[in-house]
Amino acid sequence: MERLKKIEEITEPDHRSTGFGMIDVSDGISRNMTLGDFYKNAERLRVNEGAPEDVRSYMEAVKTLFVYGWFYYPFFTLSAFMATTAVEMALKRRLQTRPDDPSGLKTLFDKAISQGLLRDESFPSREHVQANRAAIFGENAKSSEGFSVEAGPPYAERVAGFMRHFRNVFAHPSGHWILFPGQALNFLVLAGEVINQLWPSQHEDVKP
């Protein structure tokens, strides 16, 4: 049962956040993760400068919320939810031609994929998906389209199905979801990869 933290505990780490271990690459020694480790994970996620300022600002808020999971564990899950909404916001900014465009997330993803804005080879995480399926998509996860991550749809379609499914799950919950930090971080990674494809560094590759 979650509760509002006491005022004197606000800046104290959540005991659940302090229980994760890692191997320090500098010396090969196993140790508990620190606030600095969570911060570095978030800091590594960069949105291209070509993305609209409000999209970049939104993602910075999502990253900061992830870091604050160190102090209040449910923030990791909230950061994952907000990452899915950041993707929706970015797709609308990139593809909608008028403010009253009623296109939903599925339509927006379909447009981005059909227009070549989202391509399998432009997802850095695709290189690691074979070894980390469970961590990235969830053990035996299925998208809202019903396909398993073990099957062979294009990676961009898998990401689209994953994001749509969990945006809906988070927005219309049937229970209180709590994710591990690593699971939440994967949402942020995928969100960043989608946004960076919508506004790649080489703008000549972007269709008008």
N, C-alpha and C. Protein backbone atom coordinates (compact mmCIF):
# COMPACT_ATOMS: atom_id res chain seq x y z
N MET A 1 0.85 -1.20 0.00
CA MET A 1 0.00 0.00 0.00
C MET A 1 0.88 1.25 0.00
N GLU A 2 0.74 2.07 -1.05
CA GLU A 2 1.51 3.30 -1.10
C GLU A 2 0.89 4.34 -0.18
N ARG A 3 1.69 5.30 0.22
CA ARG A 3 1.21 6.37 1.09
C ARG A 3 1.98 7.64 0.77
N LEU A 4 1.41 8.75 1.15
CA LEU A 4 2.12 10.01 1.05
C LEU A 4 3.29 9.96 2.02
N LYS A 5 4.48 10.22 1.54
CA LYS A 5 5.64 10.19 2.43
C LYS A 5 5.54 11.32 3.47
N LYS A 6 6.02 11.04 4.65
CA LYS A 6 6.07 12.07 5.68
C LYS A 6 7.03 13.16 5.23
N ILE A 7 6.76 14.37 5.65
CA ILE A 7 7.55 15.51 5.20
C ILE A 7 9.03 15.32 5.52
N GLU A 8 9.33 14.71 6.65
CA GLU A 8 10.73 14.52 7.02
C GLU A 8 11.40 13.41 6.21
N GLU A 9 10.61 12.64 5.45
CA GLU A 9 11.15 11.54 4.65
C GLU A 9 11.24 11.88 3.17
N ILE A 10 10.78 13.06 2.79
CA ILE A 10 10.66 13.40 1.37
C ILE A 10 11.98 13.23 0.62
N THR A 11 13.08 13.64 1.22
CA THR A 11 14.37 13.57 0.53
C THR A 11 15.16 12.31 0.86
N GLU A 12 14.51 11.36 1.54
CA GLU A 12 15.16 10.09 1.83
C GLU A 12 14.88 9.10 0.70
N PRO A 13 15.86 8.26 0.33
CA PRO A 13 15.61 7.29 -0.74
C PRO A 13 14.56 6.27 -0.34
N ASP A 14 13.77 5.84 -1.30
CA ASP A 14 12.82 4.76 -1.09
C ASP A 14 13.63 3.47 -0.93
N HIS A 15 13.34 2.69 0.09
CA HIS A 15 14.15 1.51 0.35
C HIS A 15 14.11 0.52 -0.80
N ARG A 16 13.03 0.56 -1.61
CA ARG A 16 12.93 -0.34 -2.76
C ARG A 16 13.92 0.06 -3.85
N SER A 17 14.23 1.32 -3.93
CA SER A 17 15.15 1.79 -4.97
C SER A 17 16.59 1.44 -4.65
N THR A 18 16.89 1.24 -3.40
CA THR A 18 18.28 1.01 -2.99
C THR A 18 18.66 -0.46 -3.03
N GLY A 19 17.73 -1.32 -3.41
CA GLY A 19 18.01 -2.75 -3.35
C GLY A 19 18.53 -3.37 -4.63
N PHE A 20 18.81 -2.54 -5.65
CA PHE A 20 19.27 -3.07 -6.93
C PHE A 20 20.78 -3.04 -7.01
N GLY A 21 21.34 -4.11 -7.55
CA GLY A 21 22.79 -4.21 -7.66
C GLY A 21 23.26 -4.06 -9.09
N MET A 22 24.55 -3.83 -9.25
CA MET A 22 25.17 -3.71 -10.56
C MET A 22 26.64 -4.07 -10.44
N ILE A 23 27.26 -4.34 -11.56
CA ILE A 23 28.70 -4.57 -11.60
C ILE A 23 29.35 -3.32 -12.15
N ASP A 24 30.21 -2.72 -11.37
CA ASP A 24 30.90 -1.51 -11.78
C ASP A 24 31.92 -1.87 -12.86
N VAL A 25 31.76 -1.29 -14.06
CA VAL A 25 32.65 -1.64 -15.16
C VAL A 25 34.07 -1.15 -14.92
N SER A 26 34.25 -0.20 -14.03
CA SER A 26 35.58 0.35 -13.79
C SER A 26 36.48 -0.62 -13.03
N ASP A 27 35.86 -1.45 -12.16
CA ASP A 27 36.67 -2.38 -11.37
C ASP A 27 36.10 -3.80 -11.33
N GLY A 28 34.93 -4.00 -11.95
CA GLY A 28 34.35 -5.34 -11.99
C GLY A 28 33.75 -5.79 -10.68
N ILE A 29 33.58 -4.87 -9.74
CA ILE A 29 33.06 -5.22 -8.42
C ILE A 29 31.56 -4.97 -8.37
N SER A 30 30.86 -5.92 -7.78
CA SER A 30 29.41 -5.77 -7.62
C SER A 30 29.11 -4.82 -6.47
N ARG A 31 28.11 -3.97 -6.67
CA ARG A 31 27.72 -3.02 -5.62
C ARG A 31 26.27 -2.64 -5.81
N ASN A 32 25.68 -2.02 -4.81
CA ASN A 32 24.32 -1.52 -4.90
C ASN A 32 24.29 -0.25 -5.76
N MET A 33 23.21 -0.10 -6.51
CA MET A 33 23.07 1.11 -7.32
C MET A 33 22.81 2.32 -6.43
N THR A 34 23.21 3.47 -6.93
CA THR A 34 23.05 4.72 -6.20
C THR A 34 22.18 5.69 -7.01
N LEU A 35 21.84 6.80 -6.39
CA LEU A 35 21.11 7.85 -7.10
C LEU A 35 21.88 8.26 -8.35
N GLY A 36 23.19 8.34 -8.25
CA GLY A 36 24.01 8.72 -9.39
C GLY A 36 23.88 7.77 -10.56
N ASP A 37 23.72 6.50 -10.28
CA ASP A 37 23.54 5.51 -11.36
C ASP A 37 22.23 5.73 -12.09
N PHE A 38 21.17 5.98 -11.34
CA PHE A 38 19.88 6.25 -11.98
C PHE A 38 19.94 7.54 -12.79
N TYR A 39 20.64 8.54 -12.25
CA TYR A 39 20.78 9.80 -12.96
C TYR A 39 21.53 9.61 -14.27
N LYS A 40 22.61 8.85 -14.24
CA LYS A 40 23.40 8.61 -15.45
C LYS A 40 22.57 7.90 -16.52
N ASN A 41 21.74 6.95 -16.09
CA ASN A 41 20.90 6.24 -17.05
C ASN A 41 19.94 7.20 -17.75
N ALA A 42 19.39 8.13 -16.99
CA ALA A 42 18.48 9.11 -17.59
C ALA A 42 19.24 10.12 -18.44
N GLU A 43 20.40 10.54 -17.97
CA GLU A 43 21.17 11.56 -18.68
C GLU A 43 21.63 11.08 -20.06
N ARG A 44 21.84 9.78 -20.20
CA ARG A 44 22.29 9.24 -21.48
C ARG A 44 21.23 9.34 -22.57
N LEU A 45 19.98 9.48 -22.18
CA LEU A 45 18.89 9.54 -23.15
C LEU A 45 18.79 10.96 -23.70
N ARG A 46 19.16 11.12 -24.94
CA ARG A 46 19.17 12.45 -25.55
C ARG A 46 18.17 12.52 -26.70
N VAL A 47 17.40 13.60 -26.73
CA VAL A 47 16.49 13.86 -27.83
C VAL A 47 17.17 14.85 -28.76
N ASN A 48 17.12 14.58 -30.06
CA ASN A 48 17.80 15.42 -31.04
C ASN A 48 17.34 16.86 -30.96
N GLU A 49 18.29 17.76 -31.20
CA GLU A 49 18.00 19.19 -31.14
C GLU A 49 16.96 19.61 -32.16
N GLY A 50 16.81 18.82 -33.23
CA GLY A 50 15.84 19.18 -34.26
C GLY A 50 14.40 18.99 -33.84
N ALA A 51 14.16 18.24 -32.77
CA ALA A 51 12.80 18.04 -32.28
C ALA A 51 12.27 19.36 -31.70
N PRO A 52 10.95 19.60 -31.79
CA PRO A 52 10.39 20.84 -31.24
C PRO A 52 10.75 21.00 -29.76
N GLU A 53 10.89 22.24 -29.34
CA GLU A 53 11.31 22.52 -27.97
C GLU A 53 10.36 21.91 -26.95
N ASP A 54 9.05 21.95 -27.22
CA ASP A 54 8.12 21.42 -26.22
C ASP A 54 8.23 19.89 -26.12
N VAL A 55 8.55 19.22 -27.22
CA VAL A 55 8.75 17.78 -27.17
C VAL A 55 10.00 17.46 -26.35
N ARG A 56 11.08 18.20 -26.60
CA ARG A 56 12.31 17.97 -25.84
C ARG A 56 12.11 18.28 -24.36
N SER A 57 11.38 19.36 -24.09
CA SER A 57 11.11 19.73 -22.70
C SER A 57 10.30 18.65 -21.98
N TYR A 58 9.31 18.12 -22.68
CA TYR A 58 8.47 17.06 -22.11
C TYR A 58 9.32 15.85 -21.75
N MET A 59 10.22 15.45 -22.64
CA MET A 59 11.06 14.29 -22.37
C MET A 59 12.03 14.55 -21.22
N GLU A 60 12.49 15.79 -21.08
CA GLU A 60 13.36 16.11 -19.93
C GLU A 60 12.59 15.93 -18.63
N ALA A 61 11.31 16.31 -18.63
CA ALA A 61 10.48 16.11 -17.44
C ALA A 61 10.30 14.62 -17.15
N VAL A 62 10.12 13.83 -18.22
CA VAL A 62 9.97 12.38 -18.05
C VAL A 62 11.24 11.79 -17.45
N LYS A 63 12.39 12.21 -17.96
CA LYS A 63 13.67 11.73 -17.44
C LYS A 63 13.85 12.09 -15.98
N THR A 64 13.47 13.32 -15.64
CA THR A 64 13.60 13.77 -14.25
C THR A 64 12.69 12.97 -13.33
N LEU A 65 11.49 12.68 -13.79
CA LEU A 65 10.57 11.86 -13.00
C LEU A 65 11.16 10.48 -12.75
N PHE A 66 11.81 9.90 -13.77
CA PHE A 66 12.48 8.61 -13.59
C PHE A 66 13.53 8.70 -12.49
N VAL A 67 14.35 9.73 -12.51
CA VAL A 67 15.39 9.88 -11.48
C VAL A 67 14.77 9.99 -10.10
N TYR A 68 13.65 10.70 -9.99
CA TYR A 68 13.00 10.88 -8.70
C TYR A 68 12.37 9.58 -8.18
N GLY A 69 12.36 8.55 -9.02
CA GLY A 69 11.96 7.24 -8.54
C GLY A 69 12.87 6.75 -7.42
N TRP A 70 14.07 7.28 -7.36
CA TRP A 70 14.99 6.94 -6.27
C TRP A 70 14.37 7.31 -4.92
N PHE A 71 13.63 8.40 -4.91
CA PHE A 71 13.02 8.87 -3.66
C PHE A 71 11.61 8.32 -3.44
N TYR A 72 10.91 8.02 -4.56
CA TYR A 72 9.56 7.47 -4.43
C TYR A 72 9.36 6.47 -5.57
N TYR A 73 9.42 5.20 -5.23
CA TYR A 73 9.50 4.11 -6.19
C TYR A 73 8.41 4.14 -7.27
N PRO A 74 7.16 4.46 -6.96
CA PRO A 74 6.13 4.48 -8.01
C PRO A 74 6.40 5.47 -9.13
N PHE A 75 7.30 6.43 -8.93
CA PHE A 75 7.62 7.37 -9.99
C PHE A 75 8.26 6.68 -11.20
N PHE A 76 8.91 5.53 -10.98
CA PHE A 76 9.45 4.80 -12.12
C PHE A 76 8.32 4.42 -13.08
N THR A 77 7.23 3.90 -12.53
CA THR A 77 6.09 3.51 -13.35
C THR A 77 5.46 4.73 -14.01
N LEU A 78 5.32 5.82 -13.26
CA LEU A 78 4.74 7.04 -13.83
C LEU A 78 5.60 7.58 -14.97
N SER A 79 6.92 7.45 -14.84
CA SER A 79 7.79 7.91 -15.93
C SER A 79 7.59 7.07 -17.18
N ALA A 80 7.33 5.77 -17.01
CA ALA A 80 7.07 4.91 -18.17
C ALA A 80 5.78 5.35 -18.85
N PHE A 81 4.74 5.60 -18.06
CA PHE A 81 3.47 6.08 -18.62
C PHE A 81 3.67 7.38 -19.37
N MET A 82 4.38 8.31 -18.76
CA MET A 82 4.59 9.61 -19.40
C MET A 82 5.44 9.48 -20.66
N ALA A 83 6.31 8.47 -20.73
CA ALA A 83 7.09 8.24 -21.95
C ALA A 83 6.17 7.87 -23.10
N THR A 84 5.12 7.08 -22.82
CA THR A 84 4.19 6.72 -23.89
C THR A 84 3.41 7.95 -24.35
N THR A 85 3.08 8.84 -23.44
CA THR A 85 2.35 10.04 -23.85
C THR A 85 3.28 11.02 -24.58
N ALA A 86 4.57 10.99 -24.26
CA ALA A 86 5.53 11.81 -24.99
C ALA A 86 5.60 11.37 -26.45
N VAL A 87 5.53 10.06 -26.67
CA VAL A 87 5.53 9.53 -28.03
C VAL A 87 4.28 10.00 -28.78
N GLU A 88 3.14 9.93 -28.12
CA GLU A 88 1.90 10.37 -28.76
C GLU A 88 1.98 11.86 -29.11
N MET A 89 2.49 12.64 -28.18
CA MET A 89 2.64 14.08 -28.43
C MET A 89 3.55 14.33 -29.63
N ALA A 90 4.66 13.60 -29.68
CA ALA A 90 5.63 13.79 -30.76
C ALA A 90 5.03 13.41 -32.12
N LEU A 91 4.31 12.30 -32.16
CA LEU A 91 3.69 11.86 -33.41
C LEU A 91 2.67 12.89 -33.89
N LYS A 92 1.90 13.45 -32.97
CA LYS A 92 0.94 14.48 -33.35
C LYS A 92 1.64 15.71 -33.91
N ARG A 93 2.71 16.13 -33.25
CA ARG A 93 3.45 17.31 -33.72
C ARG A 93 4.04 17.07 -35.10
N ARG A 94 4.49 15.86 -35.35
CA ARG A 94 5.17 15.56 -36.62
C ARG A 94 4.20 15.32 -37.77
N LEU A 95 3.01 14.75 -37.48
CA LEU A 95 2.15 14.25 -38.55
C LEU A 95 0.83 14.98 -38.71
N GLN A 96 0.30 15.57 -37.66
CA GLN A 96 -1.01 16.21 -37.79
C GLN A 96 -0.87 17.54 -38.50
N THR A 97 -1.78 17.77 -39.43
CA THR A 97 -1.74 19.00 -40.23
C THR A 97 -2.69 20.07 -39.73
N ARG A 98 -3.55 19.69 -38.78
CA ARG A 98 -4.47 20.67 -38.22
C ARG A 98 -4.77 20.29 -36.76
N PRO A 99 -5.05 21.28 -35.91
CA PRO A 99 -5.25 21.02 -34.48
C PRO A 99 -6.40 20.08 -34.18
N ASP A 100 -7.43 20.06 -35.02
CA ASP A 100 -8.61 19.24 -34.73
C ASP A 100 -8.53 17.86 -35.39
N ASP A 101 -7.34 17.48 -35.86
CA ASP A 101 -7.16 16.15 -36.46
C ASP A 101 -7.46 15.09 -35.41
N PRO A 102 -8.43 14.19 -35.66
CA PRO A 102 -8.85 13.21 -34.65
C PRO A 102 -8.02 11.93 -34.63
N SER A 103 -6.95 11.87 -35.40
CA SER A 103 -6.18 10.64 -35.52
C SER A 103 -5.73 10.12 -34.16
N GLY A 104 -5.97 8.82 -33.93
CA GLY A 104 -5.53 8.19 -32.70
C GLY A 104 -4.11 7.68 -32.81
N LEU A 105 -3.61 7.08 -31.75
CA LEU A 105 -2.21 6.66 -31.70
C LEU A 105 -1.91 5.58 -32.75
N LYS A 106 -2.83 4.65 -32.96
CA LYS A 106 -2.61 3.62 -33.97
C LYS A 106 -2.46 4.23 -35.35
N THR A 107 -3.36 5.15 -35.70
CA THR A 107 -3.30 5.81 -37.00
C THR A 107 -2.00 6.59 -37.16
N LEU A 108 -1.59 7.27 -36.11
CA LEU A 108 -0.36 8.05 -36.16
C LEU A 108 0.86 7.15 -36.36
N PHE A 109 0.93 6.05 -35.63
CA PHE A 109 2.04 5.11 -35.82
C PHE A 109 2.01 4.53 -37.23
N ASP A 110 0.83 4.16 -37.71
CA ASP A 110 0.72 3.59 -39.06
C ASP A 110 1.22 4.59 -40.11
N LYS A 111 0.88 5.85 -39.94
CA LYS A 111 1.34 6.88 -40.86
C LYS A 111 2.85 7.02 -40.81
N ALA A 112 3.40 7.05 -39.61
CA ALA A 112 4.85 7.23 -39.47
C ALA A 112 5.61 6.08 -40.11
N ILE A 113 5.09 4.86 -39.94
CA ILE A 113 5.76 3.69 -40.51
C ILE A 113 5.60 3.67 -42.03
N SER A 114 4.39 3.94 -42.51
CA SER A 114 4.14 3.89 -43.96
C SER A 114 4.91 4.99 -44.70
N GLN A 115 5.16 6.12 -44.03
CA GLN A 115 5.90 7.21 -44.65
C GLN A 115 7.41 7.04 -44.51
N GLY A 116 7.83 5.96 -43.87
CA GLY A 116 9.25 5.71 -43.72
C GLY A 116 9.93 6.53 -42.65
N LEU A 117 9.14 7.16 -41.78
CA LEU A 117 9.74 7.94 -40.69
C LEU A 117 10.26 7.04 -39.58
N LEU A 118 9.63 5.90 -39.38
CA LEU A 118 10.08 4.92 -38.39
C LEU A 118 10.53 3.67 -39.13
N ARG A 119 11.82 3.36 -39.03
CA ARG A 119 12.38 2.23 -39.75
C ARG A 119 13.12 1.32 -38.79
N ASP A 120 13.01 0.04 -39.04
CA ASP A 120 13.61 -0.96 -38.15
C ASP A 120 15.08 -0.66 -37.88
N GLU A 121 15.83 -0.37 -38.94
CA GLU A 121 17.28 -0.21 -38.81
C GLU A 121 17.67 1.04 -38.04
N SER A 122 16.72 1.93 -37.79
CA SER A 122 17.03 3.18 -37.08
C SER A 122 16.71 3.10 -35.59
N PHE A 123 16.33 1.92 -35.12
CA PHE A 123 16.14 1.71 -33.68
C PHE A 123 17.41 1.07 -33.11
N PRO A 124 18.23 1.81 -32.36
CA PRO A 124 19.42 1.21 -31.77
C PRO A 124 19.11 0.00 -30.89
N SER A 125 17.96 0.01 -30.23
CA SER A 125 17.61 -1.11 -29.34
C SER A 125 17.37 -2.40 -30.09
N ARG A 126 17.13 -2.32 -31.40
CA ARG A 126 16.86 -3.52 -32.19
C ARG A 126 18.04 -4.49 -32.15
N GLU A 127 19.25 -3.95 -32.04
CA GLU A 127 20.44 -4.79 -32.01
C GLU A 127 20.47 -5.69 -30.78
N HIS A 128 19.79 -5.26 -29.73
CA HIS A 128 19.86 -5.99 -28.46
C HIS A 128 18.58 -6.77 -28.14
N VAL A 129 17.58 -6.66 -29.01
CA VAL A 129 16.29 -7.23 -28.66
C VAL A 129 16.33 -8.75 -28.56
N GLN A 130 17.15 -9.41 -29.36
CA GLN A 130 17.19 -10.86 -29.31
C GLN A 130 17.65 -11.36 -27.94
N ALA A 131 18.60 -10.64 -27.34
CA ALA A 131 19.12 -11.06 -26.04
C ALA A 131 18.32 -10.53 -24.88
N ASN A 132 17.47 -9.52 -25.15
CA ASN A 132 16.78 -8.86 -24.04
C ASN A 132 15.30 -8.71 -24.28
N ARG A 133 14.67 -9.69 -24.95
CA ARG A 133 13.24 -9.56 -25.26
C ARG A 133 12.41 -9.32 -24.01
N ALA A 134 12.66 -10.13 -22.97
CA ALA A 134 11.84 -10.03 -21.76
C ALA A 134 11.99 -8.67 -21.11
N ALA A 135 13.22 -8.15 -21.07
CA ALA A 135 13.46 -6.87 -20.42
C ALA A 135 12.82 -5.72 -21.19
N ILE A 136 12.85 -5.80 -22.53
CA ILE A 136 12.36 -4.70 -23.34
C ILE A 136 10.85 -4.75 -23.52
N PHE A 137 10.32 -5.94 -23.81
CA PHE A 137 8.90 -6.03 -24.12
C PHE A 137 8.08 -6.76 -23.06
N GLY A 138 8.74 -7.37 -22.08
CA GLY A 138 8.01 -8.12 -21.07
C GLY A 138 7.94 -9.60 -21.44
N GLU A 139 8.09 -10.45 -20.45
CA GLU A 139 8.06 -11.89 -20.69
C GLU A 139 6.74 -12.30 -21.32
N ASN A 140 6.82 -12.99 -22.46
CA ASN A 140 5.64 -13.48 -23.18
C ASN A 140 4.65 -12.37 -23.51
N ALA A 141 5.19 -11.14 -23.66
CA ALA A 141 4.31 -10.00 -23.91
C ALA A 141 3.67 -10.11 -25.28
N LYS A 142 2.45 -9.58 -25.38
CA LYS A 142 1.76 -9.50 -26.65
C LYS A 142 1.29 -8.06 -26.85
N SER A 143 1.32 -7.63 -28.07
CA SER A 143 0.86 -6.28 -28.35
C SER A 143 -0.65 -6.27 -28.42
N SER A 144 -1.21 -5.08 -28.59
CA SER A 144 -2.65 -4.96 -28.73
C SER A 144 -3.12 -5.61 -30.02
N GLU A 145 -2.20 -5.89 -30.95
CA GLU A 145 -2.55 -6.57 -32.19
C GLU A 145 -2.54 -8.09 -32.01
N GLY A 146 -2.04 -8.55 -30.86
CA GLY A 146 -2.08 -9.98 -30.56
C GLY A 146 -0.87 -10.77 -30.97
N PHE A 147 0.19 -10.11 -31.51
CA PHE A 147 1.34 -10.90 -31.89
C PHE A 147 2.36 -10.96 -30.76
N SER A 148 3.08 -12.07 -30.71
CA SER A 148 4.09 -12.25 -29.67
C SER A 148 5.39 -11.61 -30.11
N VAL A 149 6.16 -11.14 -29.15
CA VAL A 149 7.46 -10.57 -29.49
C VAL A 149 8.40 -11.64 -29.99
N GLU A 150 8.04 -12.92 -29.82
CA GLU A 150 8.86 -13.99 -30.35
C GLU A 150 8.66 -14.14 -31.85
N ALA A 151 7.56 -13.60 -32.39
CA ALA A 151 7.27 -13.74 -33.81
C ALA A 151 8.05 -12.72 -34.61
N GLY A 152 7.69 -12.57 -35.90
CA GLY A 152 8.55 -11.79 -36.76
C GLY A 152 8.03 -10.53 -37.37
N PRO A 153 7.07 -9.81 -36.80
CA PRO A 153 6.68 -8.52 -37.40
C PRO A 153 7.87 -7.56 -37.39
N PRO A 154 7.89 -6.61 -38.29
CA PRO A 154 8.96 -5.61 -38.28
C PRO A 154 9.09 -4.96 -36.91
N TYR A 155 10.31 -4.62 -36.56
CA TYR A 155 10.58 -4.09 -35.22
C TYR A 155 9.79 -2.80 -34.96
N ALA A 156 9.69 -1.94 -35.97
CA ALA A 156 8.93 -0.70 -35.78
C ALA A 156 7.49 -0.99 -35.42
N GLU A 157 6.92 -2.02 -36.02
CA GLU A 157 5.55 -2.40 -35.70
C GLU A 157 5.45 -2.97 -34.28
N ARG A 158 6.47 -3.69 -33.85
CA ARG A 158 6.47 -4.21 -32.48
C ARG A 158 6.49 -3.06 -31.48
N VAL A 159 7.35 -2.09 -31.74
CA VAL A 159 7.44 -0.93 -30.85
C VAL A 159 6.11 -0.18 -30.83
N ALA A 160 5.51 0.00 -32.00
CA ALA A 160 4.23 0.70 -32.08
C ALA A 160 3.16 -0.04 -31.28
N GLY A 161 3.08 -1.36 -31.45
CA GLY A 161 2.09 -2.14 -30.71
C GLY A 161 2.33 -2.10 -29.21
N PHE A 162 3.60 -2.17 -28.83
CA PHE A 162 3.97 -2.11 -27.42
C PHE A 162 3.57 -0.78 -26.80
N MET A 163 3.91 0.33 -27.48
CA MET A 163 3.59 1.65 -26.96
C MET A 163 2.08 1.89 -26.88
N ARG A 164 1.37 1.48 -27.92
CA ARG A 164 -0.08 1.67 -27.91
C ARG A 164 -0.73 0.87 -26.79
N HIS A 165 -0.30 -0.38 -26.67
CA HIS A 165 -0.89 -1.26 -25.66
C HIS A 165 -0.70 -0.69 -24.25
N PHE A 166 0.53 -0.31 -23.94
CA PHE A 166 0.79 0.13 -22.57
C PHE A 166 0.32 1.55 -22.32
N ARG A 167 0.24 2.40 -23.36
CA ARG A 167 -0.40 3.71 -23.15
C ARG A 167 -1.83 3.50 -22.69
N ASN A 168 -2.52 2.56 -23.33
CA ASN A 168 -3.91 2.29 -22.97
C ASN A 168 -4.01 1.64 -21.59
N VAL A 169 -3.11 0.71 -21.30
CA VAL A 169 -3.13 0.05 -19.99
C VAL A 169 -2.90 1.06 -18.87
N PHE A 170 -1.93 1.96 -19.06
CA PHE A 170 -1.64 2.96 -18.03
C PHE A 170 -2.77 3.98 -17.91
N ALA A 171 -3.34 4.37 -19.05
CA ALA A 171 -4.37 5.42 -19.04
C ALA A 171 -5.70 4.91 -18.52
N HIS A 172 -5.94 3.61 -18.67
CA HIS A 172 -7.21 3.01 -18.24
C HIS A 172 -6.91 1.81 -17.35
N PRO A 173 -6.34 2.04 -16.17
CA PRO A 173 -5.84 0.93 -15.36
C PRO A 173 -6.95 0.10 -14.71
N SER A 174 -6.65 -1.17 -14.60
CA SER A 174 -7.52 -2.07 -13.84
C SER A 174 -6.88 -2.42 -12.51
N GLY A 175 -5.70 -1.89 -12.26
CA GLY A 175 -4.99 -2.12 -11.01
C GLY A 175 -3.83 -1.14 -10.92
N HIS A 176 -3.13 -1.19 -9.80
CA HIS A 176 -2.00 -0.27 -9.59
C HIS A 176 -0.73 -0.94 -10.07
N TRP A 177 -0.24 -0.50 -11.23
CA TRP A 177 0.97 -1.06 -11.81
C TRP A 177 2.21 -0.53 -11.09
N ILE A 178 3.16 -1.42 -10.85
CA ILE A 178 4.46 -1.03 -10.31
C ILE A 178 5.53 -1.74 -11.14
N LEU A 179 6.37 -0.96 -11.84
CA LEU A 179 7.43 -1.52 -12.67
C LEU A 179 8.77 -1.45 -11.96
N PHE A 180 9.67 -2.35 -12.35
CA PHE A 180 11.06 -2.25 -11.91
C PHE A 180 11.70 -1.07 -12.64
N PRO A 181 12.73 -0.47 -12.07
CA PRO A 181 13.39 0.66 -12.74
C PRO A 181 13.88 0.32 -14.15
N GLY A 182 14.44 -0.88 -14.33
CA GLY A 182 14.93 -1.26 -15.65
C GLY A 182 13.81 -1.36 -16.66
N GLN A 183 12.66 -1.85 -16.24
CA GLN A 183 11.51 -1.91 -17.14
C GLN A 183 11.07 -0.51 -17.54
N ALA A 184 11.00 0.39 -16.55
CA ALA A 184 10.61 1.77 -16.84
C ALA A 184 11.60 2.44 -17.78
N LEU A 185 12.89 2.20 -17.55
CA LEU A 185 13.91 2.81 -18.39
C LEU A 185 13.76 2.38 -19.85
N ASN A 186 13.35 1.15 -20.08
CA ASN A 186 13.16 0.69 -21.45
C ASN A 186 12.07 1.48 -22.17
N PHE A 187 11.03 1.90 -21.45
CA PHE A 187 10.01 2.75 -22.04
C PHE A 187 10.63 4.08 -22.49
N LEU A 188 11.47 4.63 -21.64
CA LEU A 188 12.11 5.91 -21.97
C LEU A 188 13.04 5.77 -23.17
N VAL A 189 13.78 4.66 -23.21
CA VAL A 189 14.69 4.41 -24.33
C VAL A 189 13.92 4.34 -25.64
N LEU A 190 12.85 3.54 -25.66
CA LEU A 190 12.05 3.40 -26.88
C LEU A 190 11.41 4.72 -27.28
N ALA A 191 10.93 5.47 -26.30
CA ALA A 191 10.33 6.77 -26.60
C ALA A 191 11.35 7.69 -27.27
N GLY A 192 12.55 7.72 -26.72
CA GLY A 192 13.60 8.55 -27.30
C GLY A 192 13.95 8.12 -28.71
N GLU A 193 13.97 6.81 -28.95
CA GLU A 193 14.29 6.32 -30.29
C GLU A 193 13.22 6.69 -31.30
N VAL A 194 11.96 6.63 -30.89
CA VAL A 194 10.87 7.04 -31.79
C VAL A 194 10.99 8.53 -32.11
N ILE A 195 11.14 9.34 -31.09
CA ILE A 195 11.21 10.79 -31.28
C ILE A 195 12.40 11.17 -32.15
N ASN A 196 13.55 10.54 -31.93
CA ASN A 196 14.73 10.88 -32.71
C ASN A 196 14.61 10.47 -34.17
N GLN A 197 13.78 9.47 -34.45
CA GLN A 197 13.55 9.13 -35.86
C GLN A 197 12.61 10.14 -36.52
N LEU A 198 11.70 10.68 -35.75
CA LEU A 198 10.78 11.68 -36.31
C LEU A 198 11.52 12.97 -36.66
N TRP A 199 12.57 13.28 -35.90
CA TRP A 199 13.42 14.44 -36.18
C TRP A 199 14.88 14.01 -36.12
N PRO A 200 15.35 13.31 -37.14
CA PRO A 200 16.73 12.80 -37.12
C PRO A 200 17.75 13.92 -37.19
N SER A 201 18.97 13.60 -36.84
CA SER A 201 20.04 14.61 -36.87
C SER A 201 20.29 15.12 -38.27
N GLN A 202 20.21 14.22 -39.25
CA GLN A 202 20.41 14.62 -40.65
C GLN A 202 19.05 14.98 -41.24
N HIS A 203 18.75 16.27 -41.24
CA HIS A 203 17.41 16.71 -41.62
C HIS A 203 17.08 16.47 -43.08
N GLU A 204 18.11 16.25 -43.90
CA GLU A 204 17.79 15.98 -45.30
C GLU A 204 17.10 14.63 -45.49
N ASP A 205 17.17 13.77 -44.44
CA ASP A 205 16.50 12.49 -44.51
C ASP A 205 15.03 12.57 -44.11
N VAL A 206 14.62 13.73 -43.60
CA VAL A 206 13.25 13.88 -43.13
C VAL A 206 12.35 14.30 -44.28
N LYS A 207 11.25 13.62 -44.46
CA LYS A 207 10.30 13.99 -45.49
C LYS A 207 9.51 15.21 -45.04
N PRO A 208 9.24 16.14 -45.94
CA PRO A 208 8.49 17.36 -45.57
C PRO A 208 7.05 17.02 -45.22
